[in-house]
Each structure stands twice: as C-alpha cells, then as structure tokens.
Amino acid sequence: MREIQYEDIVKAIRDCIIYSANNLPKDAYEKMQEAYNNEKSPVSKEVLKQLLENADIASNEERPLCQDTGLAVFFVKVGEDLKVVGGSLKAAINEGTEKGYKDGYLRASTCHWDTRANLKDEIGYNLPAIIHFDLVEGDGLEIEYAAKGGGSENVSRATVMAPAAGRAGIIKYVKEVISNAGPNPCPPLTVGVGIGGTFEKAVISSKHALFRELGSENENPVLNEMEKELIVELNKLGIGAMGMGGTQTVFGVHIEANPCHIASLPVSVNVQCHSSRHTKIKL
C-alpha cells in the first residue's frame, strides 16, 4: 500500500490550475501556429496572429489566457493500493482547486442555478470541482485537469439516435452541432465526440476526449478515419477563427466510443475553445 500526503495533492492541484490558466498547452499552441500557417482568409489569419500573441503575453506576464477561467473539471485514476494520508482525495482536489483559483486571482464562476448568486462564500471559491473518479489497479494517482469555460460548454449537445443512423448519422449530427455553434465557442475548436454507452456515458466520454493530445492518432482505425473526415468537413463550414470566416475552424476532433444497447445509439458532442487549457499530473 503506497501512501500519499493530502497536502501534496492540494499543492499539485493548486499549481496546475494556476499554470494552466496562464499557459496554452504545447499541443494547442502548435496547432494554433499550424492553423495560422494554413489559413487562407487574411482576416482570420490576423485573428490567429492575435491569439498567438495573446498566448505569448499570458505566459510571459503570468496572466490568464482568458477572463473566463472556467469551472475545474477533473478525470482522476486512483490506484486500488493507494492511500491518502491526512484527508480524503476528493477534499484535497477541492481544496487545491479553491487555492488555485484564489492564489491565481482567477474568476469565481460557480453560481446558484436559479438565483445566479455567486457561491464563493457559501460553498467555496469556484467550488465544487467537477470530478470523475476511476478506480484502477496499482498504487498510482493520475489526474487530468481542464478549465471549462461557459461559451464552449453552452454549445455542447447530446442526443440518442436510432441505431440505423450509423456513422453517417453521427457525422451529420456533429456537423450540425458545430454549424449551429458558429462563433460562440471561440474557434478554432477542439471537438470531443462520445459514442455509445448510455446517455450519460456518451456525454462523459465526449468531455474526456478533449484531454487527448492534439495531433495524436486514434488507436481505433474506424474512429481515426471518422476523425479525419470530420476535421475536413468541419473546416469546410467556413466559420474560421473567432467566427470571422476562414478555413481553420477546428484544431482536432477526438472520438471515444463504448458498447451500447442494441436499441440505441447515444452521441454527444463536447466543444472546447481555442484556449484549450488542460494538463495531466501523476503523483
């Protein structure tokens, strides 16, 4: 049984939140440079240039990439032979989240669903974090973090199709979601697609798909082919950087698929903006 200290988890979460707020991940930065080089529209090319400059300023001056510093979303793999000493894992993640948002001078965005009152004094600063736990073999602890802004989350969608819809129906649906989203999620986008499972499994899978490294190949050849087709089709929509029109609407499309019931085909599309703030830590 391996032991890990509660305070070590708190510090790791705090530090990764502050770093992610100010530094565009390497894969996203490289994809933005690639989009700039490939963009055919002079207007969108200029927008991409400004987005790259913004990323450089944020990193150099240690300031947030965007004023919407999002809700904290975590996917956590916990080894069965790991013990947290000094408190619970969930409490450590939440405390680290609060410290990260407070110490990084990041916006407290959680509010009551009805009154819209900010909950920073009632529940905690930008709490509770959205945490998905997965119990795995071994004694490791792997934490994936992303800041999920409102603009991109608001255009995300899910449905349950008839099985006969098949691949063609899924591709059509993803195109409809991104077309309807237009400029609202601040493109160029990373698009996560969850297929199969149950309704909620598809949604969680589409969110987790956003964490995959941009430019990486899907290990499943059928899904890899679908991803490449969708990148071409979504870029054909002509939305362009920040909706200014152009050839570079998406950085990438990542698909996660699960077995599903014979009578249904759940599909979810989760969208992430150009400021794709995410990181992975192992403790």
C-alpha atoms as a PDB file:
ATOM      1  CA  MET A   1       0.000   0.000   0.000  1.00  0.00           C
ATOM      2  CA  ARG A   2       1.552   3.277  -1.109  1.00  0.00           C
ATOM      3  CA  GLU A   3       0.785   6.397   0.887  1.00  0.00           C
ATOM      4  CA  ILE A   4       0.491   9.929  -0.426  1.00  0.00           C
ATOM      5  CA  GLN A   5       0.104  13.031   1.678  1.00  0.00           C
ATOM      6  CA  TYR A   6      -3.078  15.075   1.474  1.00  0.00           C
ATOM      7  CA  GLU A   7      -1.140  18.342   1.313  1.00  0.00           C
ATOM      8  CA  ASP A   8       0.961  17.116  -1.629  1.00  0.00           C
ATOM      9  CA  ILE A   9      -2.220  16.611  -3.645  1.00  0.00           C
ATOM     10  CA  VAL A  10      -3.553  20.041  -2.657  1.00  0.00           C
ATOM     11  CA  LYS A  11      -0.331  21.733  -3.786  1.00  0.00           C
ATOM     12  CA  ALA A  12      -0.180  19.801  -7.074  1.00  0.00           C
ATOM     13  CA  ILE A  13      -3.774  20.763  -7.930  1.00  0.00           C
ATOM     14  CA  ARG A  14      -3.222  24.396  -6.956  1.00  0.00           C
ATOM     15  CA  ASP A  15      -0.084  24.695  -9.055  1.00  0.00           C
ATOM     16  CA  CYS A  16      -1.522  23.015 -12.147  1.00  0.00           C
ATOM     17  CA  ILE A  17      -4.594  25.285 -12.116  1.00  0.00           C
ATOM     18  CA  ILE A  18      -2.512  28.455 -11.961  1.00  0.00           C
ATOM     19  CA  TYR A  19      -0.103  27.223 -14.624  1.00  0.00           C
ATOM     20  CA  SER A  20      -2.900  26.104 -16.961  1.00  0.00           C
ATOM     21  CA  ALA A  21      -4.704  29.438 -16.669  1.00  0.00           C
ATOM     22  CA  ASN A  22      -1.632  31.298 -17.932  1.00  0.00           C
ATOM     23  CA  ASN A  23      -0.015  28.856 -20.358  1.00  0.00           C
ATOM     24  CA  LEU A  24      -1.553  27.420 -23.500  1.00  0.00           C
ATOM     25  CA  PRO A  25      -0.580  23.717 -23.693  1.00  0.00           C
ATOM     26  CA  LYS A  26       2.173  22.860 -26.161  1.00  0.00           C
ATOM     27  CA  ASP A  27      -0.157  20.821 -28.382  1.00  0.00           C
ATOM     28  CA  ALA A  28      -2.729  23.640 -28.604  1.00  0.00           C
ATOM     29  CA  TYR A  29      -0.055  26.283 -29.248  1.00  0.00           C
ATOM     30  CA  GLU A  30       1.454  24.210 -32.053  1.00  0.00           C
ATOM     31  CA  LYS A  31      -1.985  23.633 -33.583  1.00  0.00           C
ATOM     32  CA  MET A  32      -2.652  27.376 -33.477  1.00  0.00           C
ATOM     33  CA  GLN A  33       0.621  28.029 -35.282  1.00  0.00           C
ATOM     34  CA  GLU A  34      -0.322  25.367 -37.837  1.00  0.00           C
ATOM     35  CA  ALA A  35      -3.749  26.970 -38.290  1.00  0.00           C
ATOM     36  CA  TYR A  36      -2.098  30.370 -38.805  1.00  0.00           C
ATOM     37  CA  ASN A  37       0.207  28.950 -41.467  1.00  0.00           C
ATOM     38  CA  ASN A  38      -2.657  27.196 -43.294  1.00  0.00           C
ATOM     39  CA  GLU A  39      -5.391  29.836 -43.008  1.00  0.00           C
ATOM     40  CA  LYS A  40      -6.472  31.201 -46.404  1.00  0.00           C
ATOM     41  CA  SER A  41      -8.549  34.122 -45.141  1.00  0.00           C
ATOM     42  CA  PRO A  42      -6.499  37.279 -44.421  1.00  0.00           C
ATOM     43  CA  VAL A  43      -8.967  38.319 -41.710  1.00  0.00           C
ATOM     44  CA  SER A  44      -8.875  35.002 -39.851  1.00  0.00           C
ATOM     45  CA  LYS A  45      -5.112  34.836 -40.312  1.00  0.00           C
ATOM     46  CA  GLU A  46      -4.819  38.159 -38.497  1.00  0.00           C
ATOM     47  CA  VAL A  47      -7.102  36.872 -35.724  1.00  0.00           C
ATOM     48  CA  LEU A  48      -4.922  33.785 -35.299  1.00  0.00           C
ATOM     49  CA  LYS A  49      -1.859  36.020 -35.121  1.00  0.00           C
ATOM     50  CA  GLN A  50      -3.508  37.959 -32.299  1.00  0.00           C
ATOM     51  CA  LEU A  51      -4.438  34.739 -30.485  1.00  0.00           C
ATOM     52  CA  LEU A  52      -0.808  33.604 -30.651  1.00  0.00           C
ATOM     53  CA  GLU A  53       0.333  36.990 -29.350  1.00  0.00           C
ATOM     54  CA  ASN A  54      -2.215  36.719 -26.540  1.00  0.00           C
ATOM     55  CA  ALA A  55      -0.837  33.301 -25.591  1.00  0.00           C
ATOM     56  CA  ASP A  56       2.705  34.696 -25.521  1.00  0.00           C
ATOM     57  CA  ILE A  57       1.711  37.668 -23.373  1.00  0.00           C
ATOM     58  CA  ALA A  58      -0.237  35.451 -20.954  1.00  0.00           C
ATOM     59  CA  SER A  59       2.719  33.140 -20.496  1.00  0.00           C
ATOM     60  CA  ASN A  60       5.378  35.853 -20.248  1.00  0.00           C
ATOM     61  CA  GLU A  61       3.408  38.047 -17.847  1.00  0.00           C
ATOM     62  CA  GLU A  62       1.764  35.156 -15.959  1.00  0.00           C
ATOM     63  CA  ARG A  63      -1.748  36.390 -16.657  1.00  0.00           C
ATOM     64  CA  PRO A  64      -4.837  34.343 -17.614  1.00  0.00           C
ATOM     65  CA  LEU A  65      -5.304  33.487 -21.283  1.00  0.00           C
ATOM     66  CA  CYS A  66      -8.987  34.445 -20.989  1.00  0.00           C
ATOM     67  CA  GLN A  67     -11.199  36.194 -18.458  1.00  0.00           C
ATOM     68  CA  ASP A  68     -13.393  33.082 -18.354  1.00  0.00           C
ATOM     69  CA  THR A  69     -11.156  30.828 -16.283  1.00  0.00           C
ATOM     70  CA  GLY A  70     -13.854  28.168 -16.309  1.00  0.00           C
ATOM     71  CA  LEU A  71     -15.072  25.518 -13.961  1.00  0.00           C
ATOM     72  CA  ALA A  72     -12.484  22.988 -12.795  1.00  0.00           C
ATOM     73  CA  VAL A  73     -13.025  19.575 -14.392  1.00  0.00           C
ATOM     74  CA  PHE A  74     -11.006  16.538 -13.304  1.00  0.00           C
ATOM     75  CA  PHE A  75     -10.675  12.968 -14.510  1.00  0.00           C
ATOM     76  CA  VAL A  76      -8.909  11.019 -11.772  1.00  0.00           C
ATOM     77  CA  LYS A  77      -7.481   7.493 -11.963  1.00  0.00           C
ATOM     78  CA  VAL A  78      -6.938   6.162  -8.439  1.00  0.00           C
ATOM     79  CA  GLY A  79      -4.909   3.035  -7.768  1.00  0.00           C
ATOM     80  CA  GLU A  80      -6.580   0.446  -5.542  1.00  0.00           C
ATOM     81  CA  ASP A  81      -3.385   0.214  -3.495  1.00  0.00           C
ATOM     82  CA  LEU A  82      -3.077   3.949  -2.835  1.00  0.00           C
ATOM     83  CA  LYS A  83      -3.911   5.568   0.490  1.00  0.00           C
ATOM     84  CA  VAL A  84      -4.290   9.303   1.041  1.00  0.00           C
ATOM     85  CA  VAL A  85      -2.943  10.310   4.439  1.00  0.00           C
ATOM     86  CA  GLY A  86      -4.385  13.345   6.199  1.00  0.00           C
ATOM     87  CA  GLY A  87      -7.741  13.631   4.484  1.00  0.00           C
ATOM     88  CA  SER A  88      -9.820  12.386   1.565  1.00  0.00           C
ATOM     89  CA  LEU A  89      -8.805  12.585  -2.079  1.00  0.00           C
ATOM     90  CA  LYS A  90     -11.972  14.453  -3.021  1.00  0.00           C
ATOM     91  CA  ALA A  91     -11.399  17.050  -0.301  1.00  0.00           C
ATOM     92  CA  ALA A  92      -7.789  17.502  -1.424  1.00  0.00           C
ATOM     93  CA  ILE A  93      -8.859  18.159  -5.007  1.00  0.00           C
ATOM     94  CA  ASN A  94     -11.472  20.678  -3.917  1.00  0.00           C
ATOM     95  CA  GLU A  95      -9.083  22.457  -1.558  1.00  0.00           C
ATOM     96  CA  GLY A  96      -6.423  22.581  -4.257  1.00  0.00           C
ATOM     97  CA  THR A  97      -8.996  23.975  -6.669  1.00  0.00           C
ATOM     98  CA  GLU A  98     -10.007  26.743  -4.296  1.00  0.00           C
ATOM     99  CA  LYS A  99      -6.393  27.663  -3.581  1.00  0.00           C
ATOM    100  CA  GLY A 100      -5.521  27.631  -7.273  1.00  0.00           C
ATOM    101  CA  TYR A 101      -8.358  29.957  -8.220  1.00  0.00           C
ATOM    102  CA  LYS A 102      -7.773  32.240  -5.239  1.00  0.00           C
ATOM    103  CA  ASP A 103      -3.983  32.394  -5.398  1.00  0.00           C
ATOM    104  CA  GLY A 104      -4.022  32.769  -9.174  1.00  0.00           C
ATOM    105  CA  TYR A 105      -6.551  35.633  -8.956  1.00  0.00           C
ATOM    106  CA  LEU A 106      -8.854  33.675 -11.247  1.00  0.00           C
ATOM    107  CA  ARG A 107     -12.568  34.298 -11.570  1.00  0.00           C
ATOM    108  CA  ALA A 108     -15.002  32.565  -9.242  1.00  0.00           C
ATOM    109  CA  SER A 109     -17.635  31.346 -11.705  1.00  0.00           C
ATOM    110  CA  THR A 110     -19.847  28.942  -9.760  1.00  0.00           C
ATOM    111  CA  CYS A 111     -23.292  30.276  -9.002  1.00  0.00           C
ATOM    112  CA  HIS A 112     -26.704  29.029  -7.875  1.00  0.00           C
ATOM    113  CA  TRP A 113     -28.590  27.555 -10.817  1.00  0.00           C
ATOM    114  CA  ASP A 114     -31.740  29.580 -10.049  1.00  0.00           C
ATOM    115  CA  THR A 115     -30.839  32.787  -8.194  1.00  0.00           C
ATOM    116  CA  ARG A 116     -27.477  33.054 -10.046  1.00  0.00           C
ATOM    117  CA  ALA A 117     -25.898  34.190  -6.778  1.00  0.00           C
ATOM    118  CA  ASN A 118     -22.161  33.506  -6.634  1.00  0.00           C
ATOM    119  CA  LEU A 119     -21.379  30.638  -4.255  1.00  0.00           C
ATOM    120  CA  LYS A 120     -17.795  31.563  -3.340  1.00  0.00           C
ATOM    121  CA  ASP A 121     -18.765  32.417   0.253  1.00  0.00           C
ATOM    122  CA  GLU A 122     -21.342  29.650   0.723  1.00  0.00           C
ATOM    123  CA  ILE A 123     -19.625  26.605  -0.806  1.00  0.00           C
ATOM    124  CA  GLY A 124     -16.134  27.832  -1.664  1.00  0.00           C
ATOM    125  CA  TYR A 125     -14.221  29.763  -4.300  1.00  0.00           C
ATOM    126  CA  ASN A 126     -15.164  28.164  -7.639  1.00  0.00           C
ATOM    127  CA  LEU A 127     -16.369  25.014  -5.880  1.00  0.00           C
ATOM    128  CA  PRO A 128     -17.361  22.272  -6.114  1.00  0.00           C
ATOM    129  CA  ALA A 129     -14.930  20.956  -8.711  1.00  0.00           C
ATOM    130  CA  ILE A 130     -16.374  18.555 -11.289  1.00  0.00           C
ATOM    131  CA  ILE A 131     -14.607  15.266 -10.542  1.00  0.00           C
ATOM    132  CA  HIS A 132     -14.859  11.929 -12.369  1.00  0.00           C
ATOM    133  CA  PHE A 133     -13.174   9.083 -10.471  1.00  0.00           C
ATOM    134  CA  ASP A 134     -11.956   5.815 -11.956  1.00  0.00           C
ATOM    135  CA  LEU A 135     -10.618   3.052  -9.686  1.00  0.00           C
ATOM    136  CA  VAL A 136      -7.743   1.196 -11.359  1.00  0.00           C
ATOM    137  CA  GLU A 137      -5.153  -1.439 -10.471  1.00  0.00           C
ATOM    138  CA  GLY A 138      -1.898  -0.432  -8.816  1.00  0.00           C
ATOM    139  CA  ASP A 139      -0.893   2.367  -6.462  1.00  0.00           C
ATOM    140  CA  GLY A 140      -0.726   5.336  -8.818  1.00  0.00           C
ATOM    141  CA  LEU A 141      -2.636   8.594  -8.948  1.00  0.00           C
ATOM    142  CA  GLU A 142      -3.199  10.248 -12.321  1.00  0.00           C
ATOM    143  CA  ILE A 143      -5.137  13.499 -12.519  1.00  0.00           C
ATOM    144  CA  GLU A 144      -6.281  15.191 -15.715  1.00  0.00           C
ATOM    145  CA  TYR A 145      -7.453  18.784 -15.335  1.00  0.00           C
ATOM    146  CA  ALA A 146      -9.205  21.190 -17.668  1.00  0.00           C
ATOM    147  CA  ALA A 147     -10.719  24.632 -17.213  1.00  0.00           C
ATOM    148  CA  LYS A 148     -14.094  24.504 -18.968  1.00  0.00           C
ATOM    149  CA  GLY A 149     -15.452  27.886 -19.987  1.00  0.00           C
ATOM    150  CA  GLY A 150     -19.118  28.737 -20.398  1.00  0.00           C
ATOM    151  CA  GLY A 151     -19.014  29.732 -24.057  1.00  0.00           C
ATOM    152  CA  SER A 152     -17.830  26.365 -25.303  1.00  0.00           C
ATOM    153  CA  GLU A 153     -19.891  24.352 -22.841  1.00  0.00           C
ATOM    154  CA  ASN A 154     -23.075  26.192 -23.824  1.00  0.00           C
ATOM    155  CA  VAL A 155     -22.942  24.906 -27.406  1.00  0.00           C
ATOM    156  CA  SER A 156     -22.213  21.284 -26.473  1.00  0.00           C
ATOM    157  CA  ARG A 157     -25.025  18.857 -27.245  1.00  0.00           C
ATOM    158  CA  ALA A 158     -26.137  15.227 -26.812  1.00  0.00           C
ATOM    159  CA  THR A 159     -28.779  13.011 -28.345  1.00  0.00           C
ATOM    160  CA  VAL A 160     -29.803   9.381 -28.698  1.00  0.00           C
ATOM    161  CA  MET A 161     -30.125   8.266 -32.309  1.00  0.00           C
ATOM    162  CA  ALA A 162     -31.759   5.264 -33.857  1.00  0.00           C
ATOM    163  CA  PRO A 163     -29.098   2.591 -34.456  1.00  0.00           C
ATOM    164  CA  ALA A 164     -29.761   2.809 -38.194  1.00  0.00           C
ATOM    165  CA  ALA A 165     -28.257   6.312 -38.225  1.00  0.00           C
ATOM    166  CA  GLY A 166     -24.806   4.743 -38.164  1.00  0.00           C
ATOM    167  CA  ARG A 167     -21.561   6.539 -38.926  1.00  0.00           C
ATOM    168  CA  ALA A 168     -23.166   8.807 -41.491  1.00  0.00           C
ATOM    169  CA  GLY A 169     -25.761   9.960 -38.974  1.00  0.00           C
ATOM    170  CA  ILE A 170     -23.098  10.658 -36.356  1.00  0.00           C
ATOM    171  CA  ILE A 171     -21.010  12.734 -38.772  1.00  0.00           C
ATOM    172  CA  LYS A 172     -24.096  14.669 -39.846  1.00  0.00           C
ATOM    173  CA  TYR A 173     -25.007  15.380 -36.214  1.00  0.00           C
ATOM    174  CA  VAL A 174     -21.521  16.623 -35.291  1.00  0.00           C
ATOM    175  CA  LYS A 175     -21.570  18.960 -38.302  1.00  0.00           C
ATOM    176  CA  GLU A 176     -24.984  20.318 -37.254  1.00  0.00           C
ATOM    177  CA  VAL A 177     -23.790  20.984 -33.691  1.00  0.00           C
ATOM    178  CA  ILE A 178     -20.668  22.865 -34.793  1.00  0.00           C
ATOM    179  CA  SER A 179     -22.516  24.737 -37.541  1.00  0.00           C
ATOM    180  CA  ASN A 180     -25.183  25.884 -35.082  1.00  0.00           C
ATOM    181  CA  ALA A 181     -22.477  26.895 -32.596  1.00  0.00           C
ATOM    182  CA  GLY A 182     -20.932  29.276 -35.100  1.00  0.00           C
ATOM    183  CA  PRO A 183     -18.607  31.828 -33.488  1.00  0.00           C
ATOM    184  CA  ASN A 184     -19.981  31.408 -29.940  1.00  0.00           C
ATOM    185  CA  PRO A 185     -17.425  28.870 -28.611  1.00  0.00           C
ATOM    186  CA  CYS A 186     -14.442  30.995 -29.788  1.00  0.00           C
ATOM    187  CA  PRO A 187     -12.958  28.827 -32.549  1.00  0.00           C
ATOM    188  CA  PRO A 188     -10.665  27.240 -33.657  1.00  0.00           C
ATOM    189  CA  LEU A 189     -12.088  24.391 -31.603  1.00  0.00           C
ATOM    190  CA  THR A 190     -11.203  21.042 -30.163  1.00  0.00           C
ATOM    191  CA  VAL A 191     -14.235  18.793 -30.609  1.00  0.00           C
ATOM    192  CA  GLY A 192     -14.826  15.770 -28.386  1.00  0.00           C
ATOM    193  CA  VAL A 193     -17.308  13.147 -29.540  1.00  0.00           C
ATOM    194  CA  GLY A 194     -18.682  10.398 -27.308  1.00  0.00           C
ATOM    195  CA  ILE A 195     -20.426   7.453 -28.942  1.00  0.00           C
ATOM    196  CA  GLY A 196     -22.299   4.604 -27.318  1.00  0.00           C
ATOM    197  CA  GLY A 197     -22.711   3.527 -23.735  1.00  0.00           C
ATOM    198  CA  THR A 198     -25.747   5.172 -22.182  1.00  0.00           C
ATOM    199  CA  PHE A 199     -26.807   8.812 -22.481  1.00  0.00           C
ATOM    200  CA  GLU A 200     -24.612   9.968 -19.591  1.00  0.00           C
ATOM    201  CA  LYS A 201     -21.675   7.746 -20.617  1.00  0.00           C
ATOM    202  CA  ALA A 202     -21.616   9.321 -24.076  1.00  0.00           C
ATOM    203  CA  VAL A 203     -21.554  12.801 -22.530  1.00  0.00           C
ATOM    204  CA  ILE A 204     -18.718  11.966 -20.121  1.00  0.00           C
ATOM    205  CA  SER A 205     -16.763  10.287 -22.933  1.00  0.00           C
ATOM    206  CA  SER A 206     -17.110  13.357 -25.148  1.00  0.00           C
ATOM    207  CA  LYS A 207     -15.725  15.523 -22.329  1.00  0.00           C
ATOM    208  CA  HIS A 208     -12.818  13.162 -21.670  1.00  0.00           C
ATOM    209  CA  ALA A 209     -11.983  13.033 -25.381  1.00  0.00           C
ATOM    210  CA  LEU A 210     -10.986  16.704 -25.172  1.00  0.00           C
ATOM    211  CA  PHE A 211      -7.999  15.775 -22.985  1.00  0.00           C
ATOM    212  CA  ARG A 212      -6.277  13.733 -25.698  1.00  0.00           C
ATOM    213  CA  GLU A 213      -3.190  15.322 -27.186  1.00  0.00           C
ATOM    214  CA  LEU A 214      -3.961  17.325 -30.303  1.00  0.00           C
ATOM    215  CA  GLY A 215      -2.409  15.793 -33.396  1.00  0.00           C
ATOM    216  CA  SER A 216      -2.429  12.275 -31.942  1.00  0.00           C
ATOM    217  CA  GLU A 217      -3.936   9.379 -33.879  1.00  0.00           C
ATOM    218  CA  ASN A 218      -6.929   7.433 -32.611  1.00  0.00           C
ATOM    219  CA  GLU A 219      -5.849   3.848 -31.920  1.00  0.00           C
ATOM    220  CA  ASN A 220      -9.092   2.561 -33.442  1.00  0.00           C
ATOM    221  CA  PRO A 221      -8.771   2.704 -37.268  1.00  0.00           C
ATOM    222  CA  VAL A 222     -12.509   3.259 -37.828  1.00  0.00           C
ATOM    223  CA  LEU A 223     -12.639   6.117 -35.333  1.00  0.00           C
ATOM    224  CA  ASN A 224      -9.388   7.524 -36.721  1.00  0.00           C
ATOM    225  CA  GLU A 225     -10.944   7.623 -40.189  1.00  0.00           C
ATOM    226  CA  MET A 226     -14.065   9.325 -38.811  1.00  0.00           C
ATOM    227  CA  GLU A 227     -11.956  11.936 -37.021  1.00  0.00           C
ATOM    228  CA  LYS A 228     -10.066  12.823 -40.173  1.00  0.00           C
ATOM    229  CA  GLU A 229     -13.280  13.063 -42.179  1.00  0.00           C
ATOM    230  CA  LEU A 230     -14.860  15.302 -39.544  1.00  0.00           C
ATOM    231  CA  ILE A 231     -11.852  17.650 -39.444  1.00  0.00           C
ATOM    232  CA  VAL A 232     -12.222  18.170 -43.205  1.00  0.00           C
ATOM    233  CA  GLU A 233     -15.990  18.575 -43.036  1.00  0.00           C
ATOM    234  CA  LEU A 234     -15.952  20.974 -40.075  1.00  0.00           C
ATOM    235  CA  ASN A 235     -13.283  23.150 -41.654  1.00  0.00           C
ATOM    236  CA  LYS A 236     -15.472  23.323 -44.760  1.00  0.00           C
ATOM    237  CA  LEU A 237     -18.120  25.107 -42.686  1.00  0.00           C
ATOM    238  CA  GLY A 238     -16.106  28.304 -43.121  1.00  0.00           C
ATOM    239  CA  ILE A 239     -16.600  29.571 -39.560  1.00  0.00           C
ATOM    240  CA  GLY A 240     -12.925  30.373 -39.091  1.00  0.00           C
ATOM    241  CA  ALA A 241     -11.046  31.865 -36.163  1.00  0.00           C
ATOM    242  CA  MET A 242     -13.426  33.596 -33.733  1.00  0.00           C
ATOM    243  CA  GLY A 243     -16.143  33.226 -36.368  1.00  0.00           C
ATOM    244  CA  MET A 244     -14.534  35.669 -38.798  1.00  0.00           C
ATOM    245  CA  GLY A 245     -14.796  33.238 -41.719  1.00  0.00           C
ATOM    246  CA  GLY A 246     -11.962  31.042 -42.901  1.00  0.00           C
ATOM    247  CA  THR A 247     -10.584  27.582 -43.485  1.00  0.00           C
ATOM    248  CA  GLN A 248      -9.413  26.733 -39.941  1.00  0.00           C
ATOM    249  CA  THR A 249     -12.424  26.099 -37.704  1.00  0.00           C
ATOM    250  CA  VAL A 250     -11.147  23.123 -35.678  1.00  0.00           C
ATOM    251  CA  PHE A 251      -7.793  22.085 -34.242  1.00  0.00           C
ATOM    252  CA  GLY A 252      -8.900  18.492 -33.972  1.00  0.00           C
ATOM    253  CA  VAL A 253     -11.738  16.015 -33.462  1.00  0.00           C
ATOM    254  CA  HIS A 254     -11.336  13.289 -30.830  1.00  0.00           C
ATOM    255  CA  ILE A 255     -13.760  10.388 -30.557  1.00  0.00           C
ATOM    256  CA  GLU A 256     -14.296   7.925 -27.698  1.00  0.00           C
ATOM    257  CA  ALA A 257     -16.652   5.013 -28.322  1.00  0.00           C
ATOM    258  CA  ASN A 258     -18.303   2.487 -25.982  1.00  0.00           C
ATOM    259  CA  PRO A 259     -20.539  -0.572 -26.431  1.00  0.00           C
ATOM    260  CA  CYS A 260     -24.218   0.339 -26.267  1.00  0.00           C
ATOM    261  CA  HIS A 261     -27.702  -1.177 -26.071  1.00  0.00           C
ATOM    262  CA  ILE A 262     -28.991  -2.827 -29.257  1.00  0.00           C
ATOM    263  CA  ALA A 263     -31.909  -0.363 -29.387  1.00  0.00           C
ATOM    264  CA  SER A 264     -29.994   2.920 -29.080  1.00  0.00           C
ATOM    265  CA  LEU A 265     -27.055   4.970 -30.318  1.00  0.00           C
ATOM    266  CA  PRO A 266     -26.167   7.753 -27.850  1.00  0.00           C
ATOM    267  CA  VAL A 267     -23.970  10.524 -29.262  1.00  0.00           C
ATOM    268  CA  SER A 268     -22.527  13.564 -27.515  1.00  0.00           C
ATOM    269  CA  VAL A 269     -20.501  16.498 -28.817  1.00  0.00           C
ATOM    270  CA  ASN A 270     -18.437  18.464 -26.304  1.00  0.00           C
ATOM    271  CA  VAL A 271     -16.697  21.600 -27.506  1.00  0.00           C
ATOM    272  CA  GLN A 272     -13.562  23.327 -26.258  1.00  0.00           C
ATOM    273  CA  CYS A 273     -12.479  26.818 -27.303  1.00  0.00           C
ATOM    274  CA  HIS A 274      -9.109  27.764 -28.819  1.00  0.00           C
ATOM    275  CA  SER A 275      -7.829  28.361 -25.288  1.00  0.00           C
ATOM    276  CA  SER A 276      -7.696  24.634 -24.607  1.00  0.00           C
ATOM    277  CA  ARG A 277      -6.434  24.722 -21.038  1.00  0.00           C
ATOM    278  CA  HIS A 278      -5.660  21.202 -19.890  1.00  0.00           C
ATOM    279  CA  THR A 279      -2.891  19.280 -18.189  1.00  0.00           C
ATOM    280  CA  LYS A 280      -2.086  15.887 -16.668  1.00  0.00           C
ATOM    281  CA  ILE A 281      -0.229  15.203 -13.441  1.00  0.00           C
ATOM    282  CA  LYS A 282       0.979  11.936 -11.918  1.00  0.00           C
ATOM    283  CA  LEU A 283       1.654  11.643  -8.203  1.00  0.00           C
END
